[in-house]
């Protein structure tokens, strides 16, 4: 049992070091679309879109190793039916698979400081389409009463979903979901 714990700790430390070195390399190369504060958020460093998109395939332990414990548990989802870990400094809420202590990331909800090829939360659908391309607006429902409108793109390993209660996409929200191989 002790050897398993040692292996897990070594793995977590290794992942943390790799992520920190990747972030440092990206910062040195001038890449990045938002700020991540390293080591309890004492030093600001840019994190690339690619780094954000890698987060969708992480487990909770990996998120904690990479970003620390400086988050707020918030209610999330269309009706606040789920909990998420909100990292205000980087503008991301991680929502994990329910009922799993070390659950996999189910989705990432992004503040308007996160940019995917120039598209951000808060933009309307025309602005988003200018950045990511023209796709049809889908209409669906939350419960059976509330219409919601979606733009969905596939970028790298992610489904990039913009949602709004308005047909024009005003005040859109941005979610990243891992794209599963079909």
C-alpha atoms as a PDB file:
ATOM      1  CA  UNK A   1       0.000   0.000   0.000  1.00  0.00           C
ATOM      2  CA  UNK A   2       2.829   2.404   0.884  1.00  0.00           C
ATOM      3  CA  UNK A   3       4.536   1.706  -2.428  1.00  0.00           C
ATOM      4  CA  UNK A   4       1.330   2.603  -4.315  1.00  0.00           C
ATOM      5  CA  UNK A   5       1.090   5.887  -2.445  1.00  0.00           C
ATOM      6  CA  UNK A   6       4.749   6.642  -3.227  1.00  0.00           C
ATOM      7  CA  UNK A   7       4.181   5.878  -6.910  1.00  0.00           C
ATOM      8  CA  UNK A   8       1.096   8.114  -7.013  1.00  0.00           C
ATOM      9  CA  UNK A   9       2.971  10.936  -5.276  1.00  0.00           C
ATOM     10  CA  UNK A  10       5.917  10.619  -7.656  1.00  0.00           C
ATOM     11  CA  UNK A  11       3.531  10.649 -10.607  1.00  0.00           C
ATOM     12  CA  UNK A  12       1.733  13.753  -9.325  1.00  0.00           C
ATOM     13  CA  UNK A  13       5.000  15.572  -8.696  1.00  0.00           C
ATOM     14  CA  UNK A  14       6.268  14.607 -12.161  1.00  0.00           C
ATOM     15  CA  UNK A  15       3.059  15.822 -13.855  1.00  0.00           C
ATOM     16  CA  UNK A  16       3.231  19.063 -11.888  1.00  0.00           C
ATOM     17  CA  UNK A  17       6.868  19.658 -12.901  1.00  0.00           C
ATOM     18  CA  UNK A  18       6.116  18.873 -16.545  1.00  0.00           C
ATOM     19  CA  UNK A  19       3.149  21.254 -16.576  1.00  0.00           C
ATOM     20  CA  UNK A  20       5.138  24.015 -14.895  1.00  0.00           C
ATOM     21  CA  UNK A  21       8.041  23.574 -17.327  1.00  0.00           C
ATOM     22  CA  UNK A  22       5.631  23.616 -20.275  1.00  0.00           C
ATOM     23  CA  UNK A  23       4.062  26.833 -19.005  1.00  0.00           C
ATOM     24  CA  UNK A  24       7.511  28.393 -18.535  1.00  0.00           C
ATOM     25  CA  UNK A  25       8.553  27.386 -22.059  1.00  0.00           C
ATOM     26  CA  UNK A  26       5.360  28.813 -23.538  1.00  0.00           C
ATOM     27  CA  UNK A  27       5.837  32.052 -21.613  1.00  0.00           C
ATOM     28  CA  UNK A  28       9.434  32.292 -22.853  1.00  0.00           C
ATOM     29  CA  UNK A  29       8.252  31.791 -26.451  1.00  0.00           C
ATOM     30  CA  UNK A  30       5.635  34.528 -26.068  1.00  0.00           C
ATOM     31  CA  UNK A  31       2.666  32.216 -26.588  1.00  0.00           C
ATOM     32  CA  UNK A  32      -0.367  32.533 -24.369  1.00  0.00           C
ATOM     33  CA  UNK A  33      -3.862  33.811 -24.158  1.00  0.00           C
ATOM     34  CA  UNK A  34      -4.441  34.282 -20.453  1.00  0.00           C
ATOM     35  CA  UNK A  35      -2.613  34.486 -17.157  1.00  0.00           C
ATOM     36  CA  UNK A  36      -1.867  31.657 -14.737  1.00  0.00           C
ATOM     37  CA  UNK A  37      -0.316  32.458 -11.407  1.00  0.00           C
ATOM     38  CA  UNK A  38       2.284  29.874 -10.437  1.00  0.00           C
ATOM     39  CA  UNK A  39       3.087  28.699  -6.901  1.00  0.00           C
ATOM     40  CA  UNK A  40      -0.007  29.911  -5.047  1.00  0.00           C
ATOM     41  CA  UNK A  41      -0.523  32.552  -7.706  1.00  0.00           C
ATOM     42  CA  UNK A  42       2.505  34.699  -6.741  1.00  0.00           C
ATOM     43  CA  UNK A  43       3.887  35.099 -10.247  1.00  0.00           C
ATOM     44  CA  UNK A  44       1.800  35.650 -13.371  1.00  0.00           C
ATOM     45  CA  UNK A  45       2.614  33.622 -16.463  1.00  0.00           C
ATOM     46  CA  UNK A  46       0.752  33.154 -19.736  1.00  0.00           C
ATOM     47  CA  UNK A  47      -0.856  29.808 -20.515  1.00  0.00           C
ATOM     48  CA  UNK A  48      -1.620  28.873 -24.116  1.00  0.00           C
ATOM     49  CA  UNK A  49      -4.920  27.793 -25.609  1.00  0.00           C
ATOM     50  CA  UNK A  50      -3.360  24.363 -26.103  1.00  0.00           C
ATOM     51  CA  UNK A  51      -2.619  24.117 -22.375  1.00  0.00           C
ATOM     52  CA  UNK A  52      -6.230  24.973 -21.508  1.00  0.00           C
ATOM     53  CA  UNK A  53      -7.482  22.378 -23.955  1.00  0.00           C
ATOM     54  CA  UNK A  54      -5.294  19.697 -22.373  1.00  0.00           C
ATOM     55  CA  UNK A  55      -7.147  20.255 -19.107  1.00  0.00           C
ATOM     56  CA  UNK A  56     -10.297  18.581 -20.454  1.00  0.00           C
ATOM     57  CA  UNK A  57      -8.655  15.169 -20.241  1.00  0.00           C
ATOM     58  CA  UNK A  58      -7.336  15.578 -16.684  1.00  0.00           C
ATOM     59  CA  UNK A  59      -8.365  13.877 -13.470  1.00  0.00           C
ATOM     60  CA  UNK A  60      -9.088  15.942 -10.350  1.00  0.00           C
ATOM     61  CA  UNK A  61      -5.713  15.027  -8.788  1.00  0.00           C
ATOM     62  CA  UNK A  62      -3.938  16.302 -11.909  1.00  0.00           C
ATOM     63  CA  UNK A  63      -5.881  19.586 -11.791  1.00  0.00           C
ATOM     64  CA  UNK A  64      -4.948  20.028  -8.133  1.00  0.00           C
ATOM     65  CA  UNK A  65      -1.299  19.219  -8.853  1.00  0.00           C
ATOM     66  CA  UNK A  66      -1.216  21.692 -11.738  1.00  0.00           C
ATOM     67  CA  UNK A  67      -3.295  24.569 -10.338  1.00  0.00           C
ATOM     68  CA  UNK A  68      -3.325  24.056  -6.584  1.00  0.00           C
ATOM     69  CA  UNK A  69      -6.065  24.273  -3.990  1.00  0.00           C
ATOM     70  CA  UNK A  70      -6.794  27.980  -4.405  1.00  0.00           C
ATOM     71  CA  UNK A  71     -10.315  27.549  -5.826  1.00  0.00           C
ATOM     72  CA  UNK A  72     -13.878  28.220  -4.772  1.00  0.00           C
ATOM     73  CA  UNK A  73     -16.560  25.534  -4.959  1.00  0.00           C
ATOM     74  CA  UNK A  74     -19.427  27.040  -6.992  1.00  0.00           C
ATOM     75  CA  UNK A  75     -22.828  25.932  -8.237  1.00  0.00           C
ATOM     76  CA  UNK A  76     -22.805  25.513 -11.995  1.00  0.00           C
ATOM     77  CA  UNK A  77     -24.771  24.043 -14.852  1.00  0.00           C
ATOM     78  CA  UNK A  78     -27.859  25.487 -16.456  1.00  0.00           C
ATOM     79  CA  UNK A  79     -29.800  25.382 -13.198  1.00  0.00           C
ATOM     80  CA  UNK A  80     -26.972  25.254 -10.678  1.00  0.00           C
ATOM     81  CA  UNK A  81     -27.431  21.516 -10.233  1.00  0.00           C
ATOM     82  CA  UNK A  82     -23.702  20.725 -10.254  1.00  0.00           C
ATOM     83  CA  UNK A  83     -20.617  21.817  -8.359  1.00  0.00           C
ATOM     84  CA  UNK A  84     -17.448  23.102  -9.938  1.00  0.00           C
ATOM     85  CA  UNK A  85     -14.025  24.232  -8.766  1.00  0.00           C
ATOM     86  CA  UNK A  86     -13.640  27.863  -9.833  1.00  0.00           C
ATOM     87  CA  UNK A  87     -10.102  29.176 -10.236  1.00  0.00           C
ATOM     88  CA  UNK A  88     -10.766  32.903 -10.392  1.00  0.00           C
ATOM     89  CA  UNK A  89      -7.161  33.877 -11.162  1.00  0.00           C
ATOM     90  CA  UNK A  90      -7.218  31.904 -14.420  1.00  0.00           C
ATOM     91  CA  UNK A  91     -10.918  32.236 -15.213  1.00  0.00           C
ATOM     92  CA  UNK A  92     -11.789  28.539 -15.348  1.00  0.00           C
ATOM     93  CA  UNK A  93     -14.362  26.378 -13.581  1.00  0.00           C
ATOM     94  CA  UNK A  94     -13.582  22.660 -13.631  1.00  0.00           C
ATOM     95  CA  UNK A  95     -16.653  20.413 -13.447  1.00  0.00           C
ATOM     96  CA  UNK A  96     -15.836  16.792 -12.653  1.00  0.00           C
ATOM     97  CA  UNK A  97     -17.768  13.573 -13.182  1.00  0.00           C
ATOM     98  CA  UNK A  98     -20.119  13.237 -10.213  1.00  0.00           C
ATOM     99  CA  UNK A  99     -19.824  10.604  -7.488  1.00  0.00           C
ATOM    100  CA  UNK A 100     -16.146   9.919  -8.168  1.00  0.00           C
ATOM    101  CA  UNK A 101     -13.614  11.150  -5.577  1.00  0.00           C
ATOM    102  CA  UNK A 102     -10.905  11.643  -8.213  1.00  0.00           C
ATOM    103  CA  UNK A 103     -13.304  12.238 -11.065  1.00  0.00           C
ATOM    104  CA  UNK A 104     -12.336  13.062 -14.600  1.00  0.00           C
ATOM    105  CA  UNK A 105     -13.009  16.545 -15.905  1.00  0.00           C
ATOM    106  CA  UNK A 106     -16.516  16.526 -17.376  1.00  0.00           C
ATOM    107  CA  UNK A 107     -16.241  20.045 -18.806  1.00  0.00           C
ATOM    108  CA  UNK A 108     -14.470  23.345 -18.342  1.00  0.00           C
ATOM    109  CA  UNK A 109     -16.447  26.579 -18.154  1.00  0.00           C
ATOM    110  CA  UNK A 110     -14.451  29.646 -19.167  1.00  0.00           C
ATOM    111  CA  UNK A 111     -14.625  33.306 -18.202  1.00  0.00           C
ATOM    112  CA  UNK A 112     -14.336  35.948 -20.904  1.00  0.00           C
ATOM    113  CA  UNK A 113     -10.540  36.167 -20.489  1.00  0.00           C
ATOM    114  CA  UNK A 114     -10.118  32.745 -22.120  1.00  0.00           C
ATOM    115  CA  UNK A 115      -9.733  32.922 -25.887  1.00  0.00           C
ATOM    116  CA  UNK A 116     -10.133  30.066 -28.345  1.00  0.00           C
ATOM    117  CA  UNK A 117      -8.709  31.382 -31.616  1.00  0.00           C
ATOM    118  CA  UNK A 118      -9.990  34.841 -30.658  1.00  0.00           C
ATOM    119  CA  UNK A 119     -13.513  33.753 -29.626  1.00  0.00           C
ATOM    120  CA  UNK A 120     -14.521  34.352 -26.004  1.00  0.00           C
ATOM    121  CA  UNK A 121     -17.471  34.070 -23.664  1.00  0.00           C
ATOM    122  CA  UNK A 122     -19.635  37.190 -23.832  1.00  0.00           C
ATOM    123  CA  UNK A 123     -19.375  37.551 -27.617  1.00  0.00           C
ATOM    124  CA  UNK A 124     -22.502  37.202 -29.723  1.00  0.00           C
ATOM    125  CA  UNK A 125     -22.778  34.427 -32.316  1.00  0.00           C
ATOM    126  CA  UNK A 126     -21.821  36.650 -35.279  1.00  0.00           C
ATOM    127  CA  UNK A 127     -18.603  37.688 -33.515  1.00  0.00           C
ATOM    128  CA  UNK A 128     -17.812  34.058 -32.674  1.00  0.00           C
ATOM    129  CA  UNK A 129     -18.455  32.928 -36.249  1.00  0.00           C
ATOM    130  CA  UNK A 130     -16.035  35.612 -37.495  1.00  0.00           C
ATOM    131  CA  UNK A 131     -13.301  34.009 -35.377  1.00  0.00           C
ATOM    132  CA  UNK A 132     -14.119  30.277 -35.655  1.00  0.00           C
ATOM    133  CA  UNK A 133     -16.125  29.926 -38.855  1.00  0.00           C
ATOM    134  CA  UNK A 134     -19.739  29.623 -39.864  1.00  0.00           C
ATOM    135  CA  UNK A 135     -21.650  26.750 -38.293  1.00  0.00           C
ATOM    136  CA  UNK A 136     -25.404  26.406 -37.835  1.00  0.00           C
ATOM    137  CA  UNK A 137     -26.994  27.663 -34.637  1.00  0.00           C
ATOM    138  CA  UNK A 138     -28.680  24.763 -32.870  1.00  0.00           C
ATOM    139  CA  UNK A 139     -31.730  25.230 -30.703  1.00  0.00           C
ATOM    140  CA  UNK A 140     -32.322  22.902 -27.797  1.00  0.00           C
ATOM    141  CA  UNK A 141     -34.064  23.013 -24.437  1.00  0.00           C
ATOM    142  CA  UNK A 142     -33.092  22.996 -20.795  1.00  0.00           C
ATOM    143  CA  UNK A 143     -35.791  20.996 -19.172  1.00  0.00           C
ATOM    144  CA  UNK A 144     -38.714  21.449 -21.550  1.00  0.00           C
ATOM    145  CA  UNK A 145     -39.336  25.113 -20.873  1.00  0.00           C
ATOM    146  CA  UNK A 146     -36.190  27.096 -21.592  1.00  0.00           C
ATOM    147  CA  UNK A 147     -34.815  27.434 -25.099  1.00  0.00           C
ATOM    148  CA  UNK A 148     -31.068  27.607 -25.413  1.00  0.00           C
ATOM    149  CA  UNK A 149     -29.020  28.275 -28.533  1.00  0.00           C
ATOM    150  CA  UNK A 150     -25.666  26.665 -29.273  1.00  0.00           C
ATOM    151  CA  UNK A 151     -22.682  27.030 -31.565  1.00  0.00           C
ATOM    152  CA  UNK A 152     -20.434  23.994 -31.490  1.00  0.00           C
ATOM    153  CA  UNK A 153     -16.945  23.587 -32.938  1.00  0.00           C
ATOM    154  CA  UNK A 154     -14.264  20.926 -32.745  1.00  0.00           C
ATOM    155  CA  UNK A 155     -10.813  22.330 -32.013  1.00  0.00           C
ATOM    156  CA  UNK A 156      -7.995  19.852 -31.359  1.00  0.00           C
ATOM    157  CA  UNK A 157      -9.247  17.393 -28.728  1.00  0.00           C
ATOM    158  CA  UNK A 158     -12.196  19.557 -27.634  1.00  0.00           C
ATOM    159  CA  UNK A 159     -15.771  20.289 -28.389  1.00  0.00           C
ATOM    160  CA  UNK A 160     -15.925  24.070 -28.015  1.00  0.00           C
ATOM    161  CA  UNK A 161     -19.504  25.053 -27.190  1.00  0.00           C
ATOM    162  CA  UNK A 162     -20.903  28.563 -26.975  1.00  0.00           C
ATOM    163  CA  UNK A 163     -24.401  28.804 -25.480  1.00  0.00           C
ATOM    164  CA  UNK A 164     -26.902  31.582 -24.975  1.00  0.00           C
ATOM    165  CA  UNK A 165     -30.544  32.075 -24.072  1.00  0.00           C
ATOM    166  CA  UNK A 166     -30.738  34.675 -26.875  1.00  0.00           C
ATOM    167  CA  UNK A 167     -31.095  33.736 -30.560  1.00  0.00           C
ATOM    168  CA  UNK A 168     -28.255  36.102 -31.519  1.00  0.00           C
ATOM    169  CA  UNK A 169     -25.948  34.597 -28.885  1.00  0.00           C
ATOM    170  CA  UNK A 170     -25.775  37.731 -26.770  1.00  0.00           C
ATOM    171  CA  UNK A 171     -23.887  37.136 -23.480  1.00  0.00           C
ATOM    172  CA  UNK A 172     -22.720  33.720 -24.621  1.00  0.00           C
ATOM    173  CA  UNK A 173     -21.073  31.215 -22.307  1.00  0.00           C
ATOM    174  CA  UNK A 174     -18.055  29.096 -23.280  1.00  0.00           C
ATOM    175  CA  UNK A 175     -17.559  25.432 -22.377  1.00  0.00           C
ATOM    176  CA  UNK A 176     -14.848  22.992 -23.376  1.00  0.00           C
ATOM    177  CA  UNK A 177     -15.664  19.280 -23.408  1.00  0.00           C
ATOM    178  CA  UNK A 178     -13.308  16.476 -24.315  1.00  0.00           C
ATOM    179  CA  UNK A 179     -14.066  15.126 -27.769  1.00  0.00           C
ATOM    180  CA  UNK A 180     -14.580  11.399 -27.547  1.00  0.00           C
ATOM    181  CA  UNK A 181     -13.487   9.198 -30.408  1.00  0.00           C
ATOM    182  CA  UNK A 182     -16.499   7.731 -32.113  1.00  0.00           C
END
